[in-house]
């Protein structure tokens, strides 16, 4: 009887994990996490780039509707250029559409819209400046858009990159033919347009010609 109990206890111990085995499993998990985490971050950033590109496609559809409705393009510059789509009814003022007018990679809590209801974000054009969105719009004052729908050579809006990159290595730009193209940070550094530690500026001081036609305000 006593021997049977001893045998059962020994078997139970063998079925459990020893401290060394537990530590070995934890070490394996930590190593896998170390190698996989950068891939997870990269995949998340790629998803945000795609979501941002989709946003721009919807904004372009709003531009087409605006042109059909008013027979001209928005007349405001910077954020106002695309905010007019909402304030003048070319895009319905829903929460979903309101959120489309700023890059999904940027926390809205860092923008001036943070304390407002989404229905109020784009209604008062006089209040808007570059702190309201993480997109930059066409600088209509300095670079009037002579034709829309266009041939794809004229930029309409882009990630503003204010305070760093909207995305880790990519800047999305919407063009007048509805295409969304990208500028890659590493390629710009290879070409010597920006320094190794510099971010890509958008606006009049940008090293990229197309991005000089956009304004944060």
N, C-alpha and C. Protein backbone atom coordinates (compact mmCIF):
# COMPACT_ATOMS: atom_id res chain seq x y z
N UNK A 1 0.83 -1.20 0.00
CA UNK A 1 0.00 0.00 0.00
C UNK A 1 0.86 1.25 0.00
N UNK A 2 1.87 1.25 0.93
CA UNK A 2 2.77 2.41 0.99
C UNK A 2 3.56 2.51 -0.29
N UNK A 3 4.05 1.36 -0.83
CA UNK A 3 4.81 1.38 -2.07
C UNK A 3 3.98 1.89 -3.22
N UNK A 4 2.68 1.51 -3.28
CA UNK A 4 1.79 1.98 -4.36
C UNK A 4 1.64 3.49 -4.29
N UNK A 5 1.49 4.04 -3.08
CA UNK A 5 1.34 5.49 -2.90
C UNK A 5 2.60 6.22 -3.37
N UNK A 6 3.76 5.64 -3.02
CA UNK A 6 5.05 6.24 -3.44
C UNK A 6 5.15 6.25 -4.96
N UNK A 7 4.73 5.13 -5.60
CA UNK A 7 4.79 5.05 -7.06
C UNK A 7 3.89 6.11 -7.71
N UNK A 8 2.67 6.30 -7.12
CA UNK A 8 1.74 7.30 -7.67
C UNK A 8 2.31 8.69 -7.51
N UNK A 9 2.94 8.99 -6.39
CA UNK A 9 3.52 10.31 -6.15
C UNK A 9 4.66 10.58 -7.12
N UNK A 10 5.50 9.60 -7.37
CA UNK A 10 6.61 9.76 -8.31
C UNK A 10 6.10 10.01 -9.72
N UNK A 11 5.02 9.29 -10.08
CA UNK A 11 4.44 9.48 -11.42
C UNK A 11 3.87 10.88 -11.56
N UNK A 12 3.23 11.36 -10.50
CA UNK A 12 2.66 12.71 -10.54
C UNK A 12 3.73 13.76 -10.71
N UNK A 13 4.86 13.56 -10.03
CA UNK A 13 5.97 14.51 -10.16
C UNK A 13 6.53 14.52 -11.58
N UNK A 14 6.60 13.29 -12.17
CA UNK A 14 7.13 13.22 -13.53
C UNK A 14 6.22 13.91 -14.53
N UNK A 15 4.90 13.92 -14.26
CA UNK A 15 3.96 14.57 -15.17
C UNK A 15 4.07 16.09 -15.09
N UNK A 16 4.55 16.68 -14.03
CA UNK A 16 4.66 18.12 -13.88
C UNK A 16 5.90 18.67 -14.56
N UNK A 17 6.01 20.02 -14.62
CA UNK A 17 7.17 20.68 -15.18
C UNK A 17 8.17 20.99 -14.07
N UNK A 18 9.44 20.80 -14.37
CA UNK A 18 10.47 21.23 -13.43
C UNK A 18 10.73 22.71 -13.65
N UNK A 19 11.37 23.36 -12.70
CA UNK A 19 11.70 24.78 -12.80
C UNK A 19 12.57 25.04 -14.03
N UNK A 20 13.50 24.15 -14.29
CA UNK A 20 14.39 24.32 -15.45
C UNK A 20 13.59 24.28 -16.75
N UNK A 21 12.62 23.35 -16.83
CA UNK A 21 11.79 23.26 -18.04
C UNK A 21 10.95 24.52 -18.24
N UNK A 22 10.40 25.04 -17.15
CA UNK A 22 9.60 26.27 -17.25
C UNK A 22 10.45 27.44 -17.72
N UNK A 23 11.67 27.55 -17.16
CA UNK A 23 12.56 28.64 -17.56
C UNK A 23 12.97 28.49 -19.04
N UNK A 24 13.17 27.25 -19.47
CA UNK A 24 13.54 27.02 -20.87
C UNK A 24 12.41 27.45 -21.81
N UNK A 25 11.15 27.14 -21.46
CA UNK A 25 10.01 27.55 -22.27
C UNK A 25 9.90 29.07 -22.32
N UNK A 26 10.08 29.71 -21.15
CA UNK A 26 10.02 31.17 -21.11
C UNK A 26 11.11 31.80 -21.97
N UNK A 27 12.30 31.21 -21.94
CA UNK A 27 13.40 31.72 -22.76
C UNK A 27 13.08 31.61 -24.24
N UNK A 28 12.49 30.49 -24.64
CA UNK A 28 12.11 30.30 -26.05
C UNK A 28 11.07 31.34 -26.47
N UNK A 29 10.07 31.58 -25.60
CA UNK A 29 9.03 32.57 -25.90
C UNK A 29 9.63 33.96 -26.05
N UNK A 30 10.55 34.31 -25.16
CA UNK A 30 11.20 35.63 -25.23
C UNK A 30 12.01 35.78 -26.52
N UNK A 31 12.71 34.72 -26.90
CA UNK A 31 13.51 34.78 -28.13
C UNK A 31 12.60 34.95 -29.35
N UNK A 32 11.52 34.17 -29.39
CA UNK A 32 10.58 34.28 -30.51
C UNK A 32 9.96 35.68 -30.58
N UNK A 33 9.59 36.21 -29.40
CA UNK A 33 9.01 37.56 -29.35
C UNK A 33 10.01 38.59 -29.86
N UNK A 34 11.27 38.43 -29.47
CA UNK A 34 12.33 39.37 -29.88
C UNK A 34 12.44 39.42 -31.40
N UNK A 35 12.36 38.25 -32.04
CA UNK A 35 12.51 38.19 -33.50
C UNK A 35 11.22 38.56 -34.23
N UNK A 36 10.07 38.26 -33.65
CA UNK A 36 8.80 38.48 -34.33
C UNK A 36 8.26 39.90 -34.16
N UNK A 37 8.62 40.57 -33.06
CA UNK A 37 8.05 41.89 -32.77
C UNK A 37 8.28 42.90 -33.88
N UNK A 38 9.51 43.02 -34.43
CA UNK A 38 9.69 43.98 -35.54
C UNK A 38 8.78 43.69 -36.72
N UNK A 39 8.56 42.40 -37.03
CA UNK A 39 7.67 42.04 -38.13
C UNK A 39 6.23 42.43 -37.83
N UNK A 40 5.83 42.29 -36.57
CA UNK A 40 4.47 42.68 -36.19
C UNK A 40 4.30 44.18 -36.34
N UNK A 41 5.30 44.95 -35.89
CA UNK A 41 5.24 46.42 -36.00
C UNK A 41 5.20 46.83 -37.47
N UNK A 42 6.04 46.19 -38.30
CA UNK A 42 6.06 46.51 -39.73
C UNK A 42 4.73 46.19 -40.39
N UNK A 43 4.15 45.06 -40.03
CA UNK A 43 2.86 44.66 -40.61
C UNK A 43 1.77 45.64 -40.20
N UNK A 44 1.81 46.09 -38.95
CA UNK A 44 0.82 47.07 -38.47
C UNK A 44 0.96 48.38 -39.23
N UNK A 45 2.21 48.82 -39.44
CA UNK A 45 2.43 50.07 -40.17
C UNK A 45 1.96 49.95 -41.61
N UNK A 46 2.21 48.80 -42.24
CA UNK A 46 1.75 48.59 -43.61
C UNK A 46 0.24 48.65 -43.70
N UNK A 47 -0.44 48.11 -42.69
CA UNK A 47 -1.90 48.15 -42.66
C UNK A 47 -2.39 49.58 -42.55
N UNK A 48 -1.70 50.40 -41.75
CA UNK A 48 -2.09 51.80 -41.61
C UNK A 48 -1.83 52.58 -42.90
N UNK A 49 -0.75 52.25 -43.60
CA UNK A 49 -0.48 52.89 -44.90
C UNK A 49 -1.62 52.58 -45.87
N UNK A 50 -2.06 51.32 -45.91
CA UNK A 50 -3.16 50.93 -46.79
C UNK A 50 -4.46 51.62 -46.40
N UNK A 51 -4.72 51.70 -45.09
CA UNK A 51 -5.92 52.37 -44.61
C UNK A 51 -5.90 53.85 -44.99
N UNK A 52 -4.73 54.47 -44.86
CA UNK A 52 -4.56 55.88 -45.24
C UNK A 52 -4.82 56.06 -46.73
N UNK A 53 -4.29 55.15 -47.55
CA UNK A 53 -4.51 55.21 -48.99
C UNK A 53 -6.00 55.07 -49.33
N UNK A 54 -6.70 54.19 -48.62
CA UNK A 54 -8.14 54.04 -48.81
C UNK A 54 -8.87 55.34 -48.46
N UNK A 55 -8.47 55.97 -47.35
CA UNK A 55 -9.03 57.27 -46.98
C UNK A 55 -8.92 58.26 -48.13
N UNK A 56 -7.73 58.33 -48.71
CA UNK A 56 -7.49 59.29 -49.78
C UNK A 56 -8.36 59.00 -51.00
N UNK A 57 -8.58 57.70 -51.28
CA UNK A 57 -9.47 57.34 -52.38
C UNK A 57 -10.88 57.84 -52.14
N UNK A 58 -11.36 57.74 -50.89
CA UNK A 58 -12.70 58.24 -50.55
C UNK A 58 -12.75 59.77 -50.64
N UNK A 59 -11.67 60.43 -50.23
CA UNK A 59 -11.61 61.89 -50.32
C UNK A 59 -11.64 62.32 -51.79
N UNK A 60 -10.94 61.57 -52.64
CA UNK A 60 -10.96 61.90 -54.07
C UNK A 60 -12.38 61.79 -54.63
N UNK A 61 -13.11 60.75 -54.21
CA UNK A 61 -14.51 60.62 -54.65
C UNK A 61 -15.32 61.83 -54.21
N UNK A 62 -15.03 62.33 -53.01
CA UNK A 62 -15.69 63.55 -52.54
C UNK A 62 -15.33 64.75 -53.39
N UNK A 63 -14.06 64.82 -53.85
CA UNK A 63 -13.63 65.91 -54.73
C UNK A 63 -14.40 65.89 -56.05
N UNK A 64 -14.55 64.69 -56.61
CA UNK A 64 -15.29 64.54 -57.87
C UNK A 64 -16.73 65.00 -57.67
N UNK A 65 -17.34 64.60 -56.56
CA UNK A 65 -18.71 65.02 -56.27
C UNK A 65 -18.80 66.53 -56.08
N UNK A 66 -17.82 67.10 -55.39
CA UNK A 66 -17.78 68.56 -55.18
C UNK A 66 -17.72 69.28 -56.52
N UNK A 67 -16.84 68.82 -57.42
CA UNK A 67 -16.71 69.46 -58.73
C UNK A 67 -18.01 69.38 -59.51
N UNK A 68 -18.69 68.23 -59.46
CA UNK A 68 -19.97 68.08 -60.17
C UNK A 68 -21.05 68.97 -59.57
N UNK A 69 -20.99 69.14 -58.26
CA UNK A 69 -22.02 69.91 -57.55
C UNK A 69 -21.85 71.41 -57.71
N UNK A 70 -20.60 71.89 -57.63
CA UNK A 70 -20.36 73.33 -57.62
C UNK A 70 -19.63 73.85 -58.86
N UNK A 71 -19.24 72.93 -59.76
CA UNK A 71 -18.56 73.26 -61.02
C UNK A 71 -17.20 73.91 -60.81
N UNK A 72 -16.62 73.71 -59.66
CA UNK A 72 -15.24 74.12 -59.39
C UNK A 72 -14.73 73.31 -58.22
N UNK A 73 -13.45 73.38 -57.98
CA UNK A 73 -12.86 72.64 -56.87
C UNK A 73 -12.89 73.50 -55.61
N UNK A 74 -12.62 72.92 -54.43
CA UNK A 74 -12.55 73.74 -53.21
C UNK A 74 -11.56 74.88 -53.36
N UNK A 75 -11.89 76.02 -52.76
CA UNK A 75 -11.09 77.23 -52.93
C UNK A 75 -10.18 77.53 -51.74
N UNK A 76 -10.30 76.75 -50.66
CA UNK A 76 -9.46 76.95 -49.49
C UNK A 76 -8.14 76.21 -49.66
N UNK A 77 -7.14 76.63 -48.91
CA UNK A 77 -5.83 75.96 -48.94
C UNK A 77 -5.64 75.11 -47.70
N UNK A 78 -4.65 74.22 -47.77
CA UNK A 78 -4.29 73.41 -46.60
C UNK A 78 -5.41 72.50 -46.16
N UNK A 79 -5.64 72.43 -44.86
CA UNK A 79 -6.70 71.58 -44.31
C UNK A 79 -8.07 71.98 -44.87
N UNK A 80 -8.26 73.27 -45.09
CA UNK A 80 -9.53 73.74 -45.62
C UNK A 80 -9.84 73.18 -46.99
N UNK A 81 -8.81 72.84 -47.76
CA UNK A 81 -9.01 72.33 -49.12
C UNK A 81 -9.87 71.07 -49.12
N UNK A 82 -9.59 70.15 -48.19
CA UNK A 82 -10.42 68.93 -48.14
C UNK A 82 -11.55 69.05 -47.12
N UNK A 83 -11.43 69.96 -46.14
CA UNK A 83 -12.52 70.15 -45.17
C UNK A 83 -13.76 70.73 -45.85
N UNK A 84 -13.57 71.47 -46.93
CA UNK A 84 -14.73 72.02 -47.68
C UNK A 84 -15.65 70.91 -48.17
N UNK A 85 -15.11 69.74 -48.41
CA UNK A 85 -15.94 68.62 -48.86
C UNK A 85 -17.03 68.33 -47.84
N UNK A 86 -16.69 68.46 -46.57
CA UNK A 86 -17.63 68.18 -45.50
C UNK A 86 -18.50 69.40 -45.22
N UNK A 87 -17.88 70.57 -45.13
CA UNK A 87 -18.62 71.77 -44.74
C UNK A 87 -19.64 72.19 -45.81
N UNK A 88 -19.41 71.79 -47.07
CA UNK A 88 -20.33 72.17 -48.14
C UNK A 88 -21.12 70.98 -48.68
N UNK A 89 -21.07 69.86 -47.97
CA UNK A 89 -21.98 68.76 -48.26
C UNK A 89 -21.60 67.84 -49.40
N UNK A 90 -20.36 67.91 -49.90
CA UNK A 90 -19.94 66.97 -50.94
C UNK A 90 -19.68 65.59 -50.34
N UNK A 91 -19.38 65.55 -49.05
CA UNK A 91 -19.33 64.31 -48.28
C UNK A 91 -20.27 64.47 -47.10
N UNK A 92 -21.12 63.42 -46.84
CA UNK A 92 -22.02 63.55 -45.70
C UNK A 92 -21.25 63.62 -44.40
N UNK A 93 -21.76 64.44 -43.49
CA UNK A 93 -21.05 64.70 -42.23
C UNK A 93 -21.36 63.60 -41.22
N UNK A 94 -20.82 62.43 -41.49
CA UNK A 94 -20.94 61.30 -40.57
C UNK A 94 -19.62 61.14 -39.81
N UNK A 95 -19.66 60.41 -38.72
CA UNK A 95 -18.43 60.16 -37.95
C UNK A 95 -17.39 59.44 -38.80
N UNK A 96 -17.86 58.47 -39.60
CA UNK A 96 -16.93 57.72 -40.47
C UNK A 96 -16.23 58.65 -41.45
N UNK A 97 -16.99 59.51 -42.12
CA UNK A 97 -16.40 60.44 -43.09
C UNK A 97 -15.52 61.48 -42.40
N UNK A 98 -15.95 61.93 -41.23
CA UNK A 98 -15.15 62.92 -40.49
C UNK A 98 -13.78 62.36 -40.17
N UNK A 99 -13.73 61.10 -39.77
CA UNK A 99 -12.45 60.48 -39.43
C UNK A 99 -11.58 60.25 -40.67
N UNK A 100 -12.21 60.18 -41.84
CA UNK A 100 -11.43 59.97 -43.07
C UNK A 100 -10.56 61.18 -43.41
N UNK A 101 -10.88 62.33 -42.88
CA UNK A 101 -10.13 63.54 -43.24
C UNK A 101 -8.89 63.74 -42.40
N UNK A 102 -8.45 62.70 -41.72
CA UNK A 102 -7.16 62.73 -41.02
C UNK A 102 -6.56 61.34 -41.04
N UNK A 103 -5.25 61.25 -41.07
CA UNK A 103 -4.57 59.97 -41.26
C UNK A 103 -4.85 59.02 -40.09
N UNK A 104 -5.25 57.77 -40.37
CA UNK A 104 -5.57 56.82 -39.30
C UNK A 104 -4.37 56.42 -38.46
N UNK A 105 -3.14 56.72 -38.93
CA UNK A 105 -1.95 56.35 -38.16
C UNK A 105 -1.67 57.33 -37.04
N UNK A 106 -2.35 58.48 -37.04
CA UNK A 106 -2.10 59.52 -36.04
C UNK A 106 -3.26 59.58 -35.06
N UNK A 107 -2.94 59.56 -33.78
CA UNK A 107 -3.95 59.61 -32.72
C UNK A 107 -4.66 60.96 -32.75
N UNK A 108 -5.99 60.95 -32.87
CA UNK A 108 -6.73 62.21 -32.92
C UNK A 108 -6.59 63.01 -31.62
N UNK A 109 -6.16 62.33 -30.55
CA UNK A 109 -5.93 63.03 -29.29
C UNK A 109 -4.79 64.03 -29.36
N UNK A 110 -3.95 63.93 -30.38
CA UNK A 110 -2.85 64.88 -30.55
C UNK A 110 -3.25 66.07 -31.42
N UNK A 111 -4.49 66.08 -31.90
CA UNK A 111 -4.96 67.13 -32.80
C UNK A 111 -5.97 68.04 -32.10
N UNK A 112 -6.24 69.19 -32.71
CA UNK A 112 -7.18 70.15 -32.10
C UNK A 112 -8.61 69.64 -32.07
N UNK A 113 -8.93 68.62 -32.85
CA UNK A 113 -10.29 68.09 -32.89
C UNK A 113 -10.63 67.24 -31.66
N UNK A 114 -9.65 66.97 -30.81
CA UNK A 114 -9.81 65.97 -29.76
C UNK A 114 -10.97 66.23 -28.81
N UNK A 115 -11.30 67.50 -28.54
CA UNK A 115 -12.35 67.82 -27.57
C UNK A 115 -13.71 68.07 -28.22
N UNK A 116 -13.80 67.89 -29.54
CA UNK A 116 -15.03 68.19 -30.26
C UNK A 116 -15.72 66.91 -30.71
N UNK A 117 -17.01 67.01 -30.90
CA UNK A 117 -17.77 65.93 -31.52
C UNK A 117 -17.37 65.84 -32.99
N UNK A 118 -17.23 64.64 -33.57
CA UNK A 118 -16.83 64.52 -34.97
C UNK A 118 -17.70 65.34 -35.93
N UNK A 119 -18.96 65.57 -35.58
CA UNK A 119 -19.84 66.38 -36.43
C UNK A 119 -19.43 67.84 -36.51
N UNK A 120 -18.55 68.27 -35.60
CA UNK A 120 -18.09 69.66 -35.59
C UNK A 120 -16.69 69.84 -36.17
N UNK A 121 -16.02 68.75 -36.49
CA UNK A 121 -14.60 68.84 -36.84
C UNK A 121 -14.34 69.74 -38.04
N UNK A 122 -15.15 69.68 -39.06
CA UNK A 122 -14.81 70.32 -40.34
C UNK A 122 -15.83 71.38 -40.76
N UNK A 123 -16.67 71.81 -39.86
CA UNK A 123 -17.75 72.71 -40.23
C UNK A 123 -17.35 74.18 -40.29
N UNK A 124 -16.45 74.61 -39.43
CA UNK A 124 -16.07 76.02 -39.37
C UNK A 124 -14.69 76.20 -40.00
N UNK A 125 -14.67 76.56 -41.27
CA UNK A 125 -13.41 76.68 -42.00
C UNK A 125 -12.50 77.77 -41.43
N UNK A 126 -13.09 78.78 -40.81
CA UNK A 126 -12.28 79.88 -40.26
C UNK A 126 -11.44 79.42 -39.07
N UNK A 127 -11.83 78.33 -38.43
CA UNK A 127 -11.11 77.85 -37.25
C UNK A 127 -9.96 76.90 -37.61
N UNK A 128 -9.98 76.38 -38.82
CA UNK A 128 -9.06 75.30 -39.16
C UNK A 128 -7.64 75.78 -39.40
N UNK A 129 -6.68 74.97 -38.96
CA UNK A 129 -5.28 75.15 -39.33
C UNK A 129 -4.62 73.77 -39.34
N UNK A 130 -3.31 73.73 -39.44
CA UNK A 130 -2.62 72.46 -39.56
C UNK A 130 -2.70 71.56 -38.35
N UNK A 131 -3.20 72.07 -37.22
CA UNK A 131 -3.31 71.24 -36.02
C UNK A 131 -4.61 70.43 -35.98
N UNK A 132 -5.48 70.63 -36.97
CA UNK A 132 -6.77 69.95 -36.97
C UNK A 132 -6.73 68.60 -37.66
N UNK A 133 -5.78 68.41 -38.56
CA UNK A 133 -5.68 67.15 -39.29
C UNK A 133 -4.23 66.73 -39.40
N UNK A 134 -4.01 65.46 -39.70
CA UNK A 134 -2.65 64.98 -39.96
C UNK A 134 -2.43 64.81 -41.46
N UNK A 135 -3.29 65.46 -42.27
CA UNK A 135 -3.09 65.56 -43.70
C UNK A 135 -2.77 67.00 -44.06
N UNK A 136 -2.02 67.18 -45.13
CA UNK A 136 -1.77 68.50 -45.71
C UNK A 136 -2.55 68.58 -47.03
N UNK A 137 -3.17 69.74 -47.29
CA UNK A 137 -3.95 69.91 -48.51
C UNK A 137 -3.27 70.84 -49.50
N UNK A 138 -3.79 70.89 -50.70
CA UNK A 138 -3.24 71.72 -51.76
C UNK A 138 -3.16 73.18 -51.33
N UNK A 139 -2.03 73.82 -51.63
CA UNK A 139 -1.86 75.25 -51.36
C UNK A 139 -2.43 76.01 -52.55
N UNK A 140 -3.74 76.21 -52.53
CA UNK A 140 -4.44 76.84 -53.65
C UNK A 140 -3.98 78.28 -53.86
N UNK A 141 -3.63 78.97 -52.79
CA UNK A 141 -3.21 80.37 -52.91
C UNK A 141 -1.94 80.49 -53.74
N UNK A 142 -0.97 79.62 -53.51
CA UNK A 142 0.32 79.71 -54.21
C UNK A 142 0.37 78.83 -55.46
N UNK A 143 -0.40 77.75 -55.45
CA UNK A 143 -0.38 76.82 -56.58
C UNK A 143 -1.82 76.49 -57.00
N UNK A 144 -2.49 77.43 -57.68
CA UNK A 144 -3.86 77.16 -58.13
C UNK A 144 -3.91 75.90 -58.99
N UNK A 145 -4.96 75.14 -58.81
CA UNK A 145 -5.13 73.91 -59.59
C UNK A 145 -5.94 74.27 -60.84
N UNK A 146 -5.28 74.28 -61.98
CA UNK A 146 -5.90 74.80 -63.20
C UNK A 146 -6.86 73.81 -63.84
N UNK A 147 -6.73 72.53 -63.52
CA UNK A 147 -7.61 71.55 -64.14
C UNK A 147 -7.89 70.40 -63.19
N UNK A 148 -9.15 70.03 -63.11
CA UNK A 148 -9.58 68.87 -62.34
C UNK A 148 -10.84 68.33 -63.02
N UNK A 149 -10.89 67.16 -63.39
CA UNK A 149 -10.03 66.01 -63.18
C UNK A 149 -8.73 66.19 -63.97
N UNK A 150 -7.62 65.72 -63.39
CA UNK A 150 -6.34 66.01 -63.99
C UNK A 150 -5.65 64.79 -64.58
N UNK A 151 -4.40 65.01 -64.99
CA UNK A 151 -3.63 63.95 -65.63
C UNK A 151 -2.75 63.19 -64.65
N UNK A 152 -2.89 63.47 -63.38
CA UNK A 152 -2.11 62.75 -62.37
C UNK A 152 -0.78 63.37 -62.04
N UNK A 153 -0.51 64.57 -62.57
CA UNK A 153 0.76 65.22 -62.28
C UNK A 153 0.67 66.18 -61.09
N UNK A 154 -0.55 66.53 -60.68
CA UNK A 154 -0.72 67.53 -59.63
C UNK A 154 -1.15 66.89 -58.32
N UNK A 155 -0.40 67.13 -57.23
CA UNK A 155 -0.78 66.58 -55.92
C UNK A 155 -1.95 67.35 -55.31
N UNK A 156 -2.84 66.64 -54.66
CA UNK A 156 -3.99 67.26 -53.99
C UNK A 156 -3.80 67.30 -52.48
N UNK A 157 -3.24 66.25 -51.92
CA UNK A 157 -3.06 66.17 -50.47
C UNK A 157 -2.05 65.07 -50.15
N UNK A 158 -1.58 65.04 -48.91
CA UNK A 158 -0.60 64.04 -48.50
C UNK A 158 -0.59 63.93 -46.98
N UNK A 159 0.07 62.88 -46.48
CA UNK A 159 0.41 62.85 -45.05
C UNK A 159 1.19 64.12 -44.73
N UNK A 160 0.89 64.76 -43.61
CA UNK A 160 1.58 66.03 -43.33
C UNK A 160 2.97 65.83 -42.70
N UNK A 161 3.20 64.66 -42.08
CA UNK A 161 4.50 64.36 -41.46
C UNK A 161 4.91 65.37 -40.41
N UNK A 162 3.97 66.15 -39.89
CA UNK A 162 4.30 67.15 -38.88
C UNK A 162 4.73 66.45 -37.60
N UNK A 163 5.92 66.81 -37.11
CA UNK A 163 6.44 66.18 -35.90
C UNK A 163 7.01 64.81 -36.13
N UNK A 164 7.28 64.46 -37.37
CA UNK A 164 7.81 63.13 -37.69
C UNK A 164 6.99 62.50 -38.78
N UNK A 165 7.09 61.22 -38.91
CA UNK A 165 6.40 60.52 -39.99
C UNK A 165 5.02 60.06 -39.54
N UNK A 166 4.02 60.26 -40.41
CA UNK A 166 2.72 59.64 -40.17
C UNK A 166 2.86 58.12 -40.17
N UNK A 167 3.68 57.65 -41.10
CA UNK A 167 4.01 56.23 -41.19
C UNK A 167 5.53 56.10 -41.05
N UNK A 168 5.99 54.93 -40.69
CA UNK A 168 7.40 54.76 -40.34
C UNK A 168 8.34 55.14 -41.49
N UNK A 169 8.02 54.72 -42.71
CA UNK A 169 8.95 54.96 -43.82
C UNK A 169 8.26 55.48 -45.08
N UNK A 170 6.96 55.63 -45.07
CA UNK A 170 6.20 55.92 -46.28
C UNK A 170 5.37 57.19 -46.13
N UNK A 171 5.32 58.00 -47.20
CA UNK A 171 4.42 59.14 -47.26
C UNK A 171 3.45 58.95 -48.42
N UNK A 172 2.16 58.92 -48.13
CA UNK A 172 1.14 58.79 -49.17
C UNK A 172 0.80 60.15 -49.75
N UNK A 173 0.62 60.20 -51.07
CA UNK A 173 0.24 61.43 -51.76
C UNK A 173 -0.89 61.12 -52.73
N UNK A 174 -1.98 61.91 -52.68
CA UNK A 174 -3.11 61.78 -53.59
C UNK A 174 -2.93 62.75 -54.74
N UNK A 175 -3.10 62.25 -55.97
CA UNK A 175 -2.92 63.06 -57.17
C UNK A 175 -4.25 63.32 -57.88
N UNK A 176 -4.20 64.23 -58.85
CA UNK A 176 -5.42 64.74 -59.48
C UNK A 176 -6.12 63.73 -60.38
N UNK A 177 -5.51 62.58 -60.64
CA UNK A 177 -6.20 61.53 -61.38
C UNK A 177 -6.78 60.47 -60.45
N UNK A 178 -6.67 60.70 -59.14
CA UNK A 178 -7.20 59.76 -58.16
C UNK A 178 -6.21 58.72 -57.70
N UNK A 179 -5.02 58.71 -58.28
CA UNK A 179 -4.01 57.74 -57.85
C UNK A 179 -3.38 58.17 -56.53
N UNK A 180 -2.99 57.19 -55.73
CA UNK A 180 -2.26 57.43 -54.49
C UNK A 180 -0.87 56.83 -54.67
N UNK A 181 0.15 57.69 -54.62
CA UNK A 181 1.52 57.24 -54.79
C UNK A 181 2.29 57.48 -53.49
N UNK A 182 3.44 56.85 -53.40
CA UNK A 182 4.20 56.94 -52.16
C UNK A 182 5.61 57.47 -52.40
N UNK A 183 6.11 58.17 -51.40
CA UNK A 183 7.52 58.52 -51.32
C UNK A 183 8.10 57.72 -50.16
N UNK A 184 9.17 56.98 -50.45
CA UNK A 184 9.78 56.12 -49.45
C UNK A 184 11.00 56.82 -48.84
N UNK A 185 11.02 56.87 -47.52
CA UNK A 185 12.07 57.58 -46.80
C UNK A 185 13.46 57.07 -47.17
N UNK A 186 13.63 55.77 -47.23
CA UNK A 186 14.95 55.21 -47.51
C UNK A 186 15.43 55.58 -48.91
N UNK A 187 14.51 55.60 -49.88
CA UNK A 187 14.88 55.96 -51.25
C UNK A 187 15.28 57.43 -51.31
N UNK A 188 14.58 58.29 -50.62
CA UNK A 188 14.92 59.71 -50.61
C UNK A 188 16.29 59.93 -49.97
N UNK A 189 16.61 59.14 -48.96
CA UNK A 189 17.93 59.25 -48.33
C UNK A 189 19.01 58.73 -49.27
N UNK A 190 18.72 57.65 -49.97
CA UNK A 190 19.69 57.13 -50.94
C UNK A 190 19.96 58.15 -52.04
N UNK A 191 18.92 58.87 -52.45
CA UNK A 191 19.06 59.86 -53.52
C UNK A 191 19.65 61.18 -53.03
N UNK A 192 19.88 61.29 -51.72
CA UNK A 192 20.50 62.48 -51.17
C UNK A 192 19.56 63.66 -51.01
N UNK A 193 18.25 63.42 -51.11
CA UNK A 193 17.29 64.52 -50.96
C UNK A 193 17.11 64.92 -49.51
N UNK A 194 17.28 63.99 -48.60
CA UNK A 194 17.23 64.29 -47.17
C UNK A 194 18.36 63.56 -46.48
N UNK A 195 18.78 64.09 -45.33
CA UNK A 195 19.86 63.48 -44.57
C UNK A 195 19.41 62.22 -43.85
N UNK A 196 20.37 61.48 -43.33
CA UNK A 196 20.09 60.20 -42.68
C UNK A 196 19.18 60.35 -41.47
N UNK A 197 19.27 61.46 -40.76
CA UNK A 197 18.48 61.65 -39.55
C UNK A 197 17.28 62.59 -39.77
N UNK A 198 17.04 62.98 -41.01
CA UNK A 198 15.97 63.93 -41.30
C UNK A 198 14.67 63.23 -41.65
N UNK A 199 13.54 63.88 -41.34
CA UNK A 199 12.24 63.42 -41.78
C UNK A 199 11.87 64.15 -43.07
N UNK A 200 10.89 63.63 -43.79
CA UNK A 200 10.45 64.25 -45.02
C UNK A 200 9.46 65.37 -44.72
N UNK A 201 9.84 66.60 -45.03
CA UNK A 201 8.97 67.75 -44.80
C UNK A 201 7.91 67.84 -45.89
N UNK A 202 6.75 68.38 -45.51
CA UNK A 202 5.69 68.69 -46.46
C UNK A 202 5.42 70.18 -46.35
N UNK A 203 5.28 70.86 -47.50
CA UNK A 203 5.07 72.29 -47.49
C UNK A 203 6.15 73.01 -48.28
N UNK A 204 6.22 74.33 -48.17
CA UNK A 204 7.13 75.12 -49.01
C UNK A 204 8.60 74.79 -48.87
N UNK A 205 9.01 74.21 -47.75
CA UNK A 205 10.42 73.87 -47.53
C UNK A 205 10.75 72.42 -47.85
N UNK A 206 9.81 71.70 -48.45
CA UNK A 206 10.05 70.28 -48.74
C UNK A 206 11.12 70.12 -49.82
N UNK A 207 11.95 69.07 -49.71
CA UNK A 207 12.93 68.78 -50.76
C UNK A 207 12.29 68.14 -51.99
N UNK A 208 11.03 67.74 -51.89
CA UNK A 208 10.31 67.10 -53.00
C UNK A 208 9.39 68.13 -53.65
N UNK A 209 9.53 68.34 -54.95
CA UNK A 209 8.78 69.39 -55.66
C UNK A 209 7.27 69.28 -55.44
N UNK A 210 6.74 68.07 -55.58
CA UNK A 210 5.28 67.89 -55.45
C UNK A 210 4.79 68.30 -54.06
N UNK A 211 5.57 68.01 -53.03
CA UNK A 211 5.13 68.29 -51.67
C UNK A 211 5.21 69.77 -51.32
N UNK A 212 5.93 70.56 -52.13
CA UNK A 212 5.96 72.02 -51.92
C UNK A 212 4.63 72.65 -52.31
N UNK A 213 3.81 71.94 -53.05
CA UNK A 213 2.54 72.48 -53.50
C UNK A 213 1.43 72.26 -52.47
N UNK A 214 1.81 71.71 -51.31
CA UNK A 214 0.84 71.41 -50.26
C UNK A 214 1.12 72.30 -49.06
N UNK A 215 0.11 72.46 -48.21
CA UNK A 215 0.24 73.29 -47.03
C UNK A 215 -0.36 72.59 -45.82
N UNK A 216 0.28 72.75 -44.68
CA UNK A 216 -0.26 72.20 -43.44
C UNK A 216 -1.40 73.05 -42.90
N UNK A 217 -1.41 74.34 -43.23
CA UNK A 217 -2.44 75.23 -42.71
C UNK A 217 -3.55 75.46 -43.72
